[in-house]
Amino acid sequence: MIVRCGKCRTGFDVPGPGRHACPACGTVNEVRATPGPISTAPPPPPVQEHPSPRVSCPNCGFSFIVGNVEVAPCPNCGTAVTVEVIEEGEG
């Protein structure tokens, strides 16, 4: 690892943490161990109050999620599938 002398600012290579003398000015520099990568868990996915509806194609039976649309083409066979809108409070 390359470190910089605290006195003369010369960069020099050291094998690891410990006390190392600068090759340019002789000042002893304390080299600390570097902390490992900090592992943080990713945030949980946002909770959807109204999840996207899932429909099944009447032609081929393929089930897929649709957005806020009235008719969606089946990604498997291309049939236009009518999306039933469930009003809030139903279901």
C-alpha atoms as a PDB file:
ATOM      1  CA  MET A   1       0.000   0.000   0.000  1.00  0.00           C
ATOM      2  CA  ILE A   2       1.244   3.489  -0.750  1.00  0.00           C
ATOM      3  CA  VAL A   3       1.254   6.050   2.070  1.00  0.00           C
ATOM      4  CA  ARG A   4       2.320   9.676   2.312  1.00  0.00           C
ATOM      5  CA  CYS A   5       4.798  10.906   4.925  1.00  0.00           C
ATOM      6  CA  GLY A   6       3.161  13.166   7.494  1.00  0.00           C
ATOM      7  CA  LYS A   7       6.179  15.514   7.533  1.00  0.00           C
ATOM      8  CA  CYS A   8       7.602  15.826   4.005  1.00  0.00           C
ATOM      9  CA  ARG A   9       4.550  14.467   2.091  1.00  0.00           C
ATOM     10  CA  THR A  10       6.671  11.964   0.117  1.00  0.00           C
ATOM     11  CA  GLY A  11       4.704   8.942  -1.049  1.00  0.00           C
ATOM     12  CA  PHE A  12       6.228   5.519  -0.337  1.00  0.00           C
ATOM     13  CA  ASP A  13       5.200   1.873  -0.383  1.00  0.00           C
ATOM     14  CA  VAL A  14       4.714  -0.088   2.868  1.00  0.00           C
ATOM     15  CA  PRO A  15       3.842  -3.776   3.288  1.00  0.00           C
ATOM     16  CA  GLY A  16       0.956  -3.109   5.675  1.00  0.00           C
ATOM     17  CA  PRO A  17      -0.047  -1.482   8.952  1.00  0.00           C
ATOM     18  CA  GLY A  18       2.598  -0.590  11.529  1.00  0.00           C
ATOM     19  CA  ARG A  19       5.360   1.987  12.047  1.00  0.00           C
ATOM     20  CA  HIS A  20       7.374   2.786   8.930  1.00  0.00           C
ATOM     21  CA  ALA A  21      10.207   5.281   8.377  1.00  0.00           C
ATOM     22  CA  CYS A  22       9.974   7.662   5.426  1.00  0.00           C
ATOM     23  CA  PRO A  23      12.781   6.888   2.938  1.00  0.00           C
ATOM     24  CA  ALA A  24      13.170  10.619   2.146  1.00  0.00           C
ATOM     25  CA  CYS A  25      13.308  12.281   5.588  1.00  0.00           C
ATOM     26  CA  GLY A  26      13.396   9.387   8.085  1.00  0.00           C
ATOM     27  CA  THR A  27      10.265  10.395   9.975  1.00  0.00           C
ATOM     28  CA  VAL A  28       8.508   7.377  11.496  1.00  0.00           C
ATOM     29  CA  ASN A  29       4.897   7.245  10.329  1.00  0.00           C
ATOM     30  CA  GLU A  30       2.120   5.201  11.951  1.00  0.00           C
ATOM     31  CA  VAL A  31       0.103   3.301   9.333  1.00  0.00           C
ATOM     32  CA  ARG A  32      -3.247   2.005  10.563  1.00  0.00           C
ATOM     33  CA  ALA A  33      -5.127  -0.948   9.149  1.00  0.00           C
ATOM     34  CA  THR A  34      -7.706   0.104   6.637  1.00  0.00           C
ATOM     35  CA  PRO A  35     -11.253  -0.834   7.545  1.00  0.00           C
ATOM     36  CA  GLY A  36     -12.857  -3.407   5.296  1.00  0.00           C
ATOM     37  CA  PRO A  37     -15.790  -2.517   3.109  1.00  0.00           C
ATOM     38  CA  ILE A  38     -18.830  -1.542   5.113  1.00  0.00           C
ATOM     39  CA  SER A  39     -21.655  -3.920   4.397  1.00  0.00           C
ATOM     40  CA  THR A  40     -25.082  -2.407   4.558  1.00  0.00           C
ATOM     41  CA  ALA A  41     -28.221  -4.235   3.649  1.00  0.00           C
ATOM     42  CA  PRO A  42     -30.170  -2.694   0.777  1.00  0.00           C
ATOM     43  CA  PRO A  43     -33.363  -0.946   1.797  1.00  0.00           C
ATOM     44  CA  PRO A  44     -36.519  -3.025   1.541  1.00  0.00           C
ATOM     45  CA  PRO A  45     -38.598  -2.470  -1.588  1.00  0.00           C
ATOM     46  CA  PRO A  46     -41.343   0.119  -1.190  1.00  0.00           C
ATOM     47  CA  VAL A  47     -44.690  -1.282  -0.136  1.00  0.00           C
ATOM     48  CA  GLN A  48     -47.341  -0.658  -2.752  1.00  0.00           C
ATOM     49  CA  GLU A  49     -50.717   0.274  -1.332  1.00  0.00           C
ATOM     50  CA  HIS A  50     -52.415  -0.915  -4.508  1.00  0.00           C
ATOM     51  CA  PRO A  51     -50.312  -3.566  -6.235  1.00  0.00           C
ATOM     52  CA  SER A  52     -50.509  -3.819 -10.001  1.00  0.00           C
ATOM     53  CA  PRO A  53     -53.245  -6.211 -11.105  1.00  0.00           C
ATOM     54  CA  ARG A  54     -52.418  -9.628 -12.530  1.00  0.00           C
ATOM     55  CA  VAL A  55     -54.530 -10.946 -15.398  1.00  0.00           C
ATOM     56  CA  SER A  56     -54.719 -14.247 -17.249  1.00  0.00           C
ATOM     57  CA  CYS A  57     -55.063 -14.383 -21.000  1.00  0.00           C
ATOM     58  CA  PRO A  58     -58.360 -16.057 -21.996  1.00  0.00           C
ATOM     59  CA  ASN A  59     -56.719 -17.380 -25.172  1.00  0.00           C
ATOM     60  CA  CYS A  60     -53.485 -19.023 -23.916  1.00  0.00           C
ATOM     61  CA  GLY A  61     -53.817 -18.844 -20.113  1.00  0.00           C
ATOM     62  CA  PHE A  62     -50.597 -16.849 -19.649  1.00  0.00           C
ATOM     63  CA  SER A  63     -50.687 -14.821 -16.409  1.00  0.00           C
ATOM     64  CA  PHE A  64     -49.040 -11.397 -16.362  1.00  0.00           C
ATOM     65  CA  ILE A  65     -48.995  -8.121 -14.438  1.00  0.00           C
ATOM     66  CA  VAL A  66     -50.487  -5.031 -16.043  1.00  0.00           C
ATOM     67  CA  GLY A  67     -50.331  -1.355 -15.217  1.00  0.00           C
ATOM     68  CA  ASN A  68     -53.103   1.200 -15.067  1.00  0.00           C
ATOM     69  CA  VAL A  69     -54.719   0.284 -18.415  1.00  0.00           C
ATOM     70  CA  GLU A  70     -58.106  -0.963 -19.602  1.00  0.00           C
ATOM     71  CA  VAL A  71     -56.796  -3.376 -22.255  1.00  0.00           C
ATOM     72  CA  ALA A  72     -53.371  -5.026 -22.344  1.00  0.00           C
ATOM     73  CA  PRO A  73     -51.875  -7.204 -25.076  1.00  0.00           C
ATOM     74  CA  CYS A  74     -50.840 -10.656 -23.871  1.00  0.00           C
ATOM     75  CA  PRO A  75     -47.026 -10.828 -24.062  1.00  0.00           C
ATOM     76  CA  ASN A  76     -47.276 -14.524 -24.969  1.00  0.00           C
ATOM     77  CA  CYS A  77     -49.825 -14.600 -27.810  1.00  0.00           C
ATOM     78  CA  GLY A  78     -50.791 -10.953 -28.445  1.00  0.00           C
ATOM     79  CA  THR A  79     -54.497 -11.311 -27.563  1.00  0.00           C
ATOM     80  CA  ALA A  80     -56.077  -8.102 -26.244  1.00  0.00           C
ATOM     81  CA  VAL A  81     -56.965  -8.810 -22.602  1.00  0.00           C
ATOM     82  CA  THR A  82     -59.507  -6.605 -20.837  1.00  0.00           C
ATOM     83  CA  VAL A  83     -58.321  -5.544 -17.388  1.00  0.00           C
ATOM     84  CA  GLU A  84     -61.043  -5.497 -14.756  1.00  0.00           C
ATOM     85  CA  VAL A  85     -60.758  -2.422 -12.555  1.00  0.00           C
ATOM     86  CA  ILE A  86     -61.418  -3.176  -8.892  1.00  0.00           C
ATOM     87  CA  GLU A  87     -62.705  -0.104  -7.114  1.00  0.00           C
ATOM     88  CA  GLU A  88     -61.292   0.751  -3.705  1.00  0.00           C
ATOM     89  CA  GLY A  89     -63.146  -1.071  -0.964  1.00  0.00           C
ATOM     90  CA  GLU A  90     -63.891  -4.100  -3.162  1.00  0.00           C
ATOM     91  CA  GLY A  91     -62.023  -7.409  -3.165  1.00  0.00           C
END
